[in-house]
Protein backbone atom coordinates (compact mmCIF):
# COMPACT_ATOMS: atom_id res chain seq x y z
CA UNK A 1 11.81 100.97 -177.28
CA UNK A 2 9.21 103.73 -176.98
CA UNK A 3 9.76 106.07 -174.10
CA UNK A 4 6.37 105.58 -172.69
CA UNK A 5 6.82 101.77 -172.44
CA UNK A 6 9.42 102.15 -169.69
CA UNK A 7 9.15 102.14 -165.86
CA UNK A 8 7.74 105.69 -166.17
CA UNK A 9 4.56 104.28 -167.59
CA UNK A 10 4.08 102.37 -164.19
CA UNK A 11 6.35 99.42 -164.48
CA UNK A 12 9.06 98.74 -162.08
CA UNK A 13 12.76 98.17 -162.37
CA UNK A 14 12.60 94.76 -161.00
CA UNK A 15 10.08 93.63 -163.70
CA UNK A 16 11.53 90.71 -165.54
CA UNK A 17 10.62 92.33 -169.05
CA UNK A 18 12.03 95.84 -168.16
CA UNK A 19 15.43 94.24 -166.88
CA UNK A 20 15.64 91.97 -170.03
CA UNK A 21 15.01 94.83 -172.56
CA UNK A 22 17.31 97.20 -170.39
CA UNK A 23 20.27 94.70 -170.51
CA UNK A 24 19.79 93.09 -173.81
CA UNK A 25 22.63 95.31 -174.83
CA UNK A 26 25.24 97.15 -172.77
CA UNK A 27 24.76 100.44 -174.45
CA UNK A 28 22.58 102.36 -171.79
CA UNK A 29 24.63 100.82 -168.96
CA UNK A 30 27.84 102.00 -170.37
CA UNK A 31 26.38 105.57 -170.63
CA UNK A 32 25.48 105.64 -166.99
CA UNK A 33 29.06 105.57 -166.07
CA UNK A 34 29.48 109.04 -165.00
CA UNK A 35 33.10 109.16 -166.36
CA UNK A 36 31.47 108.79 -169.91
CA UNK A 37 29.66 112.32 -169.85
CA UNK A 38 31.14 113.95 -166.88
CA UNK A 39 33.74 114.07 -164.02
CA UNK A 40 34.16 112.21 -160.77
CA UNK A 41 35.78 113.34 -157.75
CA UNK A 42 36.25 110.88 -154.82
CA UNK A 43 36.85 111.59 -151.14
CA UNK A 44 39.69 109.65 -149.34
CA UNK A 45 38.68 106.40 -150.92
CA UNK A 46 36.62 105.44 -154.17
CA UNK A 47 34.10 102.66 -153.93
CA UNK A 48 36.05 100.43 -156.21
CA UNK A 49 39.23 100.48 -153.81
CA UNK A 50 37.01 99.95 -150.88
CA UNK A 51 35.30 96.95 -152.51
CA UNK A 52 38.50 95.29 -153.74
CA UNK A 53 40.17 95.82 -150.19
CA UNK A 54 36.98 94.05 -148.60
CA UNK A 55 37.34 90.94 -151.01
CA UNK A 56 41.19 90.83 -150.22
CA UNK A 57 40.67 90.77 -146.65
CA UNK A 58 39.20 87.30 -147.02
CA UNK A 59 42.19 86.02 -149.15
CA UNK A 60 39.63 84.06 -151.42
CA UNK A 61 40.66 81.44 -153.74
CA UNK A 62 37.27 81.31 -155.40
CA UNK A 63 35.01 84.38 -156.11
CA UNK A 64 31.62 84.63 -157.74
CA UNK A 65 30.56 88.09 -159.26
CA UNK A 66 26.77 87.89 -159.36
CA UNK A 67 25.36 90.15 -162.06
CA UNK A 68 28.89 91.01 -163.52
CA UNK A 69 27.96 92.99 -166.51
CA UNK A 70 30.93 93.50 -168.73
CA UNK A 71 33.22 92.11 -166.23
CA UNK A 72 35.12 95.41 -165.40
CA UNK A 73 35.19 94.84 -161.76
CA UNK A 74 35.73 91.18 -161.87
CA UNK A 75 38.95 91.64 -164.05
CA UNK A 76 40.31 93.71 -161.03
CA UNK A 77 39.79 90.96 -158.32
CA UNK A 78 43.00 89.25 -157.25
CA UNK A 79 41.90 85.66 -156.79
CA UNK A 80 43.07 82.41 -158.53
CA UNK A 81 39.56 81.70 -159.79
CA UNK A 82 36.85 84.35 -160.49
CA UNK A 83 33.61 83.41 -162.05
CA UNK A 84 31.19 85.82 -163.53
CA UNK A 85 27.28 85.21 -163.94
CA UNK A 86 24.69 87.52 -165.63
CA UNK A 87 21.22 86.97 -167.06
CA UNK A 88 22.22 89.12 -170.02
CA UNK A 89 23.93 87.35 -172.99
CA UNK A 90 25.53 90.62 -174.04
CA UNK A 91 27.07 91.08 -170.58
CA UNK A 92 28.37 87.35 -170.63
CA UNK A 93 29.75 87.95 -174.17
CA UNK A 94 31.71 91.19 -173.02
CA UNK A 95 32.91 89.57 -169.94
CA UNK A 96 34.28 86.52 -171.88
CA UNK A 97 36.00 89.00 -174.20
CA UNK A 98 38.08 90.25 -171.29
CA UNK A 99 39.18 86.69 -170.84
CA UNK A 100 36.84 86.02 -167.87
CA UNK A 101 35.03 82.69 -167.13
CA UNK A 102 31.45 84.08 -167.59
CA UNK A 103 28.15 82.25 -168.11
CA UNK A 104 24.32 83.02 -168.12
CA UNK A 105 22.77 82.15 -164.83
CA UNK A 106 19.57 83.32 -162.87
CA UNK A 107 20.25 85.08 -159.50
CA UNK A 108 17.13 83.39 -158.06
CA UNK A 109 18.50 79.86 -158.83
CA UNK A 110 22.29 79.72 -158.95
CA UNK A 111 23.69 76.64 -160.36
CA UNK A 112 26.25 76.12 -157.62
CA UNK A 113 26.64 73.98 -154.57
CA UNK A 114 26.33 75.25 -151.15
CA UNK A 115 29.38 76.99 -149.76
CA UNK A 116 31.20 76.92 -153.25
CA UNK A 117 32.55 80.60 -153.15
CA UNK A 118 34.80 82.18 -150.45
CA UNK A 119 33.36 85.66 -151.47
CA UNK A 120 30.29 86.54 -153.56
CA UNK A 121 30.27 89.93 -155.15
CA UNK A 122 26.98 91.63 -156.39
CA UNK A 123 26.96 95.32 -157.35
CA UNK A 124 24.21 97.47 -157.99
CA UNK A 125 22.01 94.41 -158.82
CA UNK A 126 19.65 93.47 -156.10
CA UNK A 127 17.02 96.02 -156.71
CA UNK A 128 16.48 94.53 -160.06
CA UNK A 129 15.73 91.09 -158.50
CA UNK A 130 12.02 90.13 -159.02
CA UNK A 131 12.19 88.11 -155.74
CA UNK A 132 14.74 89.64 -153.44
CA UNK A 133 14.27 87.40 -150.60
CA UNK A 134 14.86 84.35 -152.81
CA UNK A 135 17.87 86.09 -154.55
CA UNK A 136 19.47 86.74 -151.11
CA UNK A 137 18.86 83.25 -149.91
CA UNK A 138 20.69 81.98 -152.96
CA UNK A 139 23.75 84.37 -152.64
CA UNK A 140 24.02 83.47 -148.93
CA UNK A 141 23.72 79.69 -149.73
CA UNK A 142 26.69 79.46 -152.05
CA UNK A 143 29.19 81.48 -149.72
CA UNK A 144 31.13 79.06 -147.55
CA UNK A 145 31.13 79.50 -143.82
CA UNK A 146 33.46 82.21 -142.75
CA UNK A 147 33.15 83.70 -146.13
CA UNK A 148 31.88 87.07 -147.33
CA UNK A 149 29.12 88.92 -149.41
CA UNK A 150 30.35 92.41 -150.83
CA UNK A 151 28.40 94.81 -152.89
CA UNK A 152 28.56 98.56 -153.84
CA UNK A 153 25.30 100.31 -153.50
CA UNK A 154 23.97 103.78 -153.22
CA UNK A 155 22.80 105.54 -150.16
CA UNK A 156 19.21 107.01 -149.98
CA UNK A 157 20.58 110.45 -150.79
CA UNK A 158 23.12 109.66 -153.53
CA UNK A 159 22.90 112.21 -156.12
CA UNK A 160 20.01 113.89 -154.28
CA UNK A 161 20.77 117.17 -155.93
CA UNK A 162 20.37 115.68 -159.39
CA UNK A 163 17.36 113.66 -158.81
CA UNK A 164 15.60 116.64 -157.06
CA UNK A 165 16.24 118.79 -159.85
CA UNK A 166 14.61 116.37 -162.40
CA UNK A 167 11.61 115.27 -160.38
CA UNK A 168 13.04 112.09 -158.45
CA UNK A 169 12.11 109.34 -160.76
CA UNK A 170 13.01 106.69 -157.99
CA UNK A 171 10.63 107.53 -155.26
CA UNK A 172 8.15 104.62 -156.24
CA UNK A 173 10.72 102.19 -157.41
CA UNK A 174 12.16 99.05 -155.57
CA UNK A 175 15.25 99.97 -153.81
CA UNK A 176 18.17 98.19 -152.22
CA UNK A 177 20.30 100.85 -150.70
CA UNK A 178 22.94 101.33 -148.00
CA UNK A 179 20.60 101.58 -145.34
CA UNK A 180 17.72 99.04 -146.11
CA UNK A 181 19.97 96.74 -147.99
CA UNK A 182 21.98 96.21 -144.82
CA UNK A 183 19.07 95.27 -142.90
CA UNK A 184 17.95 92.74 -145.51
CA UNK A 185 21.54 91.21 -145.52
CA UNK A 186 21.28 90.88 -141.91
CA UNK A 187 18.64 88.25 -142.32
CA UNK A 188 21.00 85.94 -143.97
CA UNK A 189 24.59 86.74 -142.60
CA UNK A 190 26.13 87.05 -139.27
CA UNK A 191 27.60 90.43 -139.50
CA UNK A 192 26.88 93.30 -141.92
CA UNK A 193 29.12 96.46 -142.18
CA UNK A 194 28.58 99.51 -144.31
CA UNK A 195 31.75 101.30 -145.52
CA UNK A 196 30.75 104.62 -146.68
CA UNK A 197 32.42 106.29 -149.49
CA UNK A 198 31.82 109.88 -151.10
CA UNK A 199 32.89 112.49 -153.58
CA UNK A 200 31.19 114.32 -156.18
CA UNK A 201 29.90 114.09 -159.98
CA UNK A 202 30.14 117.10 -162.45
CA UNK A 203 28.78 117.58 -165.92
CA UNK A 204 30.15 120.56 -167.60
CA UNK A 205 27.18 121.32 -169.93
CA UNK A 206 23.46 120.58 -169.94
CA UNK A 207 24.04 118.56 -173.18
CA UNK A 208 26.53 116.23 -171.37
CA UNK A 209 24.05 115.81 -168.33
CA UNK A 210 21.22 115.05 -170.80
CA UNK A 211 22.99 112.34 -172.52
CA UNK A 212 23.46 110.76 -169.07
CA UNK A 213 19.79 111.00 -168.12
CA UNK A 214 18.94 109.50 -171.56
CA UNK A 215 20.51 106.31 -170.51
CA UNK A 216 17.79 105.80 -167.90
CA UNK A 217 14.82 106.38 -170.18
CA UNK A 218 13.98 102.61 -170.29
CA UNK A 219 14.08 102.14 -166.73
CA UNK A 220 12.13 105.51 -165.37
CA UNK A 221 10.96 107.18 -168.71
CA UNK A 222 12.23 110.45 -170.18
CA UNK A 223 14.27 112.87 -167.90
CA UNK A 224 14.99 116.60 -168.67
CA UNK A 225 18.36 118.18 -167.66
CA UNK A 226 17.81 121.10 -165.54
CA UNK A 227 18.59 124.71 -167.04
CA UNK A 228 21.43 125.17 -164.68
CA UNK A 229 23.80 126.32 -163.29
CA UNK A 230 26.69 124.44 -165.12
CA UNK A 231 28.89 122.92 -164.33
CA UNK A 232 26.23 120.84 -162.43
CA UNK A 233 27.70 119.26 -159.44
CA UNK A 234 26.07 116.47 -157.28
CA UNK A 235 27.29 114.68 -154.30
CA UNK A 236 28.09 111.08 -154.48
CA UNK A 237 26.88 109.07 -151.26
CA UNK A 238 27.49 105.36 -151.70
CA UNK A 239 28.73 102.38 -149.58
CA UNK A 240 30.16 99.13 -149.79
CA UNK A 241 28.19 96.46 -148.12
CA UNK A 242 30.12 93.78 -146.40
CA UNK A 243 28.33 90.95 -144.87
CA UNK A 244 30.09 87.75 -143.31
CA UNK A 245 28.67 84.41 -142.89
CA UNK A 246 29.12 82.52 -139.65
């Protein structure tokens, strides 16, 4: 796909065509994992551990991972039944290769009955939803009474040092972050909590950072790594959103 056909050309990260092209394969998604090109340092807790604890608190029997990707996080959930859905066939195939129950489904029209799950997990997905209100209605619908939504999302200043250095490609893009996302969840759930997590990301060389940035080209257009200094360090500012249903 040519660089000038991505979101940098006026398209948005919730455009159906952009999402379909971006996740037609999982290559760029994997390269956006910091540990592929750089190093991670966490604070007292990392976001995966906080997420998994939030799930375990419910002692769920049935968990849905909505937008599961390759199933990395779903494979860590301790529950008798974990079901993965994604609109990407490549993602579903990767999750199945892990031995997970995975199927293609649309977040806007979930093929499940009301209250079918104890916990719905949805990480770094909702800013891609073409109709986010509809997606949230659906996610809340399939959570049982007393059940829970959980999801890892970025704070508005996550990796601010990096995005400031490359020209902030996200300023005009749809967002679902720790601040606004919590408010949107509150319209569908009785109680919403933000569990903040931090740390830092580090790239040793400009080449390593450029490889990371190139993985965003389809979403926001070409990005150029700053000249330095290196190692380049940026602060991680994220949260786990926890929303309980009455």
